[in-house]
Amino acid sequence: MDGKFWANVGLSTVVVGLLAFAVSKFNASSTGIAGVLLPEITVSESAEELLHSVALVNASVNVSKKDHMVDASFSIANTGTHDIKNVAILCTLFDAAGNEQGRNKWVVFDTVQSQNTGDFTFVDKKFISNSIVRSDCKIVDMQIASAPRIKAHSDDAAGHGNSNTEHAAPVHGSQH
């Protein structure tokens, strides 16, 4: 038993002591280890600007008892002047005792038109506890839907261009 052995024993003792101290601090805090693993929910800056005109008017998350299929339904009301898209909804899930059982996020990629309400349903197999009885959902991100950058059709009725435009003949085959 030389000095290297005793140095390793001392270092191990310090590491175990720090680990025990950290665990006791986490358990003594009001949120416990869940507060560290599940941080506070924050809303993005782009969503904060739009939340005055976009609201989650209905949210429901149900988990099947036998196969863990998750059925999530959301209704999003857009009373603003802009169409919105890519609405991210984060739901905190609770059991019958009121204990938080985790969080899950759904993204509505469809566009919710201005002055309309959109209803969206997701059915997924997820590894979520089937003891979920309540969910608390909120919009955490969204974007303004911009107009398409390219046109799929030309402006003329026939779709063939102007009559004074010359068309090149199609090339068939290849040259070697």
Protein backbone atom coordinates (compact mmCIF):
# COMPACT_ATOMS: atom_id res chain seq x y z
CA MET A 1 0.00 0.00 0.00
CA ASP A 2 1.86 2.92 -1.33
CA GLY A 3 1.02 6.59 -1.70
CA LYS A 4 -0.79 6.05 -5.02
CA PHE A 5 -3.26 3.66 -3.38
CA TRP A 6 -4.07 6.13 -0.58
CA ALA A 7 -4.43 8.96 -3.10
CA ASN A 8 -7.01 6.90 -5.03
CA VAL A 9 -8.88 6.10 -1.80
CA GLY A 10 -8.92 9.79 -0.85
CA LEU A 11 -10.09 10.87 -4.31
CA SER A 12 -12.84 8.24 -4.31
CA THR A 13 -14.00 9.42 -0.89
CA VAL A 14 -14.22 13.02 -2.11
CA VAL A 15 -16.19 12.00 -5.25
CA VAL A 16 -18.66 9.89 -3.23
CA GLY A 17 -19.07 12.74 -0.73
CA LEU A 18 -19.81 15.26 -3.50
CA LEU A 19 -22.28 12.87 -5.11
CA ALA A 20 -24.09 12.35 -1.78
CA PHE A 21 -24.19 16.12 -1.23
CA ALA A 22 -25.66 16.72 -4.72
CA VAL A 23 -28.34 14.05 -4.26
CA SER A 24 -29.35 15.49 -0.88
CA LYS A 25 -29.63 19.00 -2.38
CA PHE A 26 -31.80 17.73 -5.27
CA ASN A 27 -34.11 15.89 -2.89
CA ALA A 28 -34.35 18.90 -0.55
CA SER A 29 -35.36 21.24 -3.37
CA SER A 30 -39.06 21.79 -4.06
CA THR A 31 -38.91 20.23 -7.55
CA GLY A 32 -36.49 17.40 -6.78
CA ILE A 33 -34.68 15.60 -9.57
CA ALA A 34 -37.64 16.18 -11.91
CA GLY A 35 -36.92 19.91 -11.76
CA VAL A 36 -33.44 19.29 -13.10
CA LEU A 37 -34.47 16.81 -15.79
CA LEU A 38 -37.63 18.71 -16.78
CA PRO A 39 -36.69 22.40 -16.82
CA GLU A 40 -39.16 25.28 -16.74
CA ILE A 41 -41.26 25.62 -19.90
CA THR A 42 -40.35 28.68 -21.92
CA VAL A 43 -42.04 30.19 -24.95
CA SER A 44 -39.96 31.26 -27.96
CA GLU A 45 -39.70 34.95 -28.84
CA SER A 46 -41.56 34.47 -32.15
CA ALA A 47 -44.42 32.73 -30.35
CA GLU A 48 -44.58 35.37 -27.61
CA GLU A 49 -45.26 38.05 -30.21
CA LEU A 50 -48.14 36.04 -31.70
CA LEU A 51 -49.75 34.67 -28.50
CA HIS A 52 -52.04 37.69 -28.23
CA SER A 53 -53.85 36.52 -31.40
CA VAL A 54 -53.28 32.73 -31.40
CA ALA A 55 -54.68 30.48 -28.68
CA LEU A 56 -54.90 26.81 -27.88
CA VAL A 57 -58.65 26.61 -27.25
CA ASN A 58 -58.87 22.85 -26.71
CA ALA A 59 -56.27 20.20 -25.89
CA SER A 60 -56.77 16.56 -25.02
CA VAL A 61 -54.20 13.78 -24.53
CA ASN A 62 -55.42 10.24 -23.91
CA VAL A 63 -53.24 7.12 -23.53
CA SER A 64 -54.66 3.66 -24.21
CA LYS A 65 -54.25 1.32 -21.23
CA LYS A 66 -53.26 -1.74 -23.27
CA ASP A 67 -51.03 -0.63 -26.15
CA HIS A 68 -49.72 2.84 -25.15
CA MET A 69 -51.32 4.46 -28.21
CA VAL A 70 -51.51 8.19 -27.63
CA ASP A 71 -54.46 10.13 -29.03
CA ALA A 72 -53.81 13.87 -28.89
CA SER A 73 -56.32 16.44 -30.16
CA PHE A 74 -55.79 20.18 -30.39
CA SER A 75 -57.86 23.17 -31.53
CA ILE A 76 -55.95 26.32 -32.42
CA ALA A 77 -57.76 29.63 -32.89
CA ASN A 78 -56.04 32.31 -34.98
CA THR A 79 -57.72 35.70 -34.53
CA GLY A 80 -54.74 37.60 -35.94
CA THR A 81 -54.07 39.10 -39.35
CA HIS A 82 -51.35 36.57 -40.30
CA ASP A 83 -51.64 32.89 -41.19
CA ILE A 84 -49.51 30.76 -38.87
CA LYS A 85 -47.70 27.44 -39.27
CA ASN A 86 -45.39 25.07 -37.40
CA VAL A 87 -47.23 25.43 -34.11
CA ALA A 88 -45.35 23.54 -31.37
CA ILE A 89 -47.51 22.38 -28.47
CA LEU A 90 -45.89 21.08 -25.28
CA CYS A 91 -48.03 19.06 -22.88
CA THR A 92 -47.16 18.26 -19.27
CA LEU A 93 -48.78 14.95 -18.29
CA PHE A 94 -50.11 14.08 -14.82
CA ASP A 95 -51.35 10.92 -13.09
CA ALA A 96 -54.40 10.62 -10.81
CA ALA A 97 -52.39 11.73 -7.77
CA GLY A 98 -51.36 14.94 -9.56
CA ASN A 99 -47.74 13.88 -10.01
CA GLU A 100 -46.00 14.97 -13.19
CA GLN A 101 -45.34 11.91 -15.37
CA GLY A 102 -43.43 13.64 -18.14
CA ARG A 103 -43.85 15.93 -21.12
CA ASN A 104 -44.45 15.45 -24.78
CA LYS A 105 -44.38 17.80 -27.74
CA TRP A 106 -46.46 17.84 -30.91
CA VAL A 107 -45.90 20.09 -33.92
CA VAL A 108 -48.76 21.12 -36.21
CA PHE A 109 -47.08 21.67 -39.56
CA ASP A 110 -50.32 22.70 -41.30
CA THR A 111 -51.25 26.35 -41.71
CA VAL A 112 -53.98 27.88 -39.56
CA GLN A 113 -55.53 30.62 -41.65
CA SER A 114 -56.14 34.08 -40.24
CA GLN A 115 -59.54 34.44 -38.51
CA ASN A 116 -60.03 30.63 -38.45
CA THR A 117 -59.76 27.71 -36.06
CA GLY A 118 -57.88 24.54 -36.93
CA ASP A 119 -58.56 21.13 -35.40
CA PHE A 120 -55.69 18.61 -35.39
CA THR A 121 -55.44 15.02 -34.20
CA PHE A 122 -52.35 12.88 -33.68
CA VAL A 123 -52.37 9.13 -33.06
CA ASP A 124 -48.93 7.74 -32.17
CA LYS A 125 -47.42 4.88 -30.27
CA LYS A 126 -45.28 6.53 -27.62
CA PHE A 127 -43.69 5.36 -24.44
CA ILE A 128 -45.87 7.40 -22.13
CA SER A 129 -47.25 6.07 -18.87
CA ASN A 130 -50.78 4.76 -19.30
CA SER A 131 -51.67 6.19 -15.88
CA ILE A 132 -52.08 9.68 -17.43
CA VAL A 133 -55.40 11.26 -16.49
CA ARG A 134 -54.73 14.96 -17.08
CA SER A 135 -52.61 17.14 -19.33
CA ASP A 136 -51.63 20.79 -19.25
CA CYS A 137 -50.79 21.96 -22.79
CA LYS A 138 -49.50 25.26 -24.12
CA ILE A 139 -48.16 26.69 -27.36
CA VAL A 140 -44.39 27.12 -27.10
CA ASP A 141 -43.45 28.04 -30.67
CA MET A 142 -45.00 29.06 -34.03
CA GLN A 143 -44.16 30.94 -37.20
CA ILE A 144 -45.93 33.31 -39.54
CA ALA A 145 -46.77 31.50 -42.77
CA SER A 146 -45.30 33.40 -45.68
CA ALA A 147 -46.68 33.44 -49.21
CA PRO A 148 -45.22 30.81 -51.56
CA ARG A 149 -42.08 31.97 -53.34
CA ILE A 150 -42.79 30.29 -56.66
CA LYS A 151 -45.94 30.14 -58.72
CA ALA A 152 -47.24 26.81 -59.86
CA HIS A 153 -49.19 28.30 -62.79
CA SER A 154 -48.67 31.19 -65.16
CA ASP A 155 -50.98 34.21 -65.24
CA ASP A 156 -52.51 33.55 -68.66
CA ALA A 157 -55.63 31.43 -68.97
CA ALA A 158 -54.23 28.96 -71.51
CA GLY A 159 -51.06 28.37 -69.58
CA HIS A 160 -48.90 28.47 -72.74
CA GLY A 161 -47.33 31.90 -72.47
CA ASN A 162 -47.82 34.90 -74.73
CA SER A 163 -48.60 34.37 -78.38
CA ASN A 164 -45.56 36.38 -79.47
CA THR A 165 -43.09 34.21 -77.52
CA GLU A 166 -41.08 31.72 -79.52
CA HIS A 167 -40.89 28.18 -78.18
CA ALA A 168 -37.92 25.92 -78.67
CA ALA A 169 -38.62 22.52 -80.13
CA PRO A 170 -38.20 19.64 -77.66
CA VAL A 171 -34.98 17.66 -78.02
CA HIS A 172 -35.48 13.90 -78.33
CA GLY A 173 -32.68 11.44 -77.75
CA SER A 174 -29.10 12.25 -76.87
CA GLN A 175 -25.96 13.03 -78.79
CA HIS A 176 -22.81 11.03 -78.28
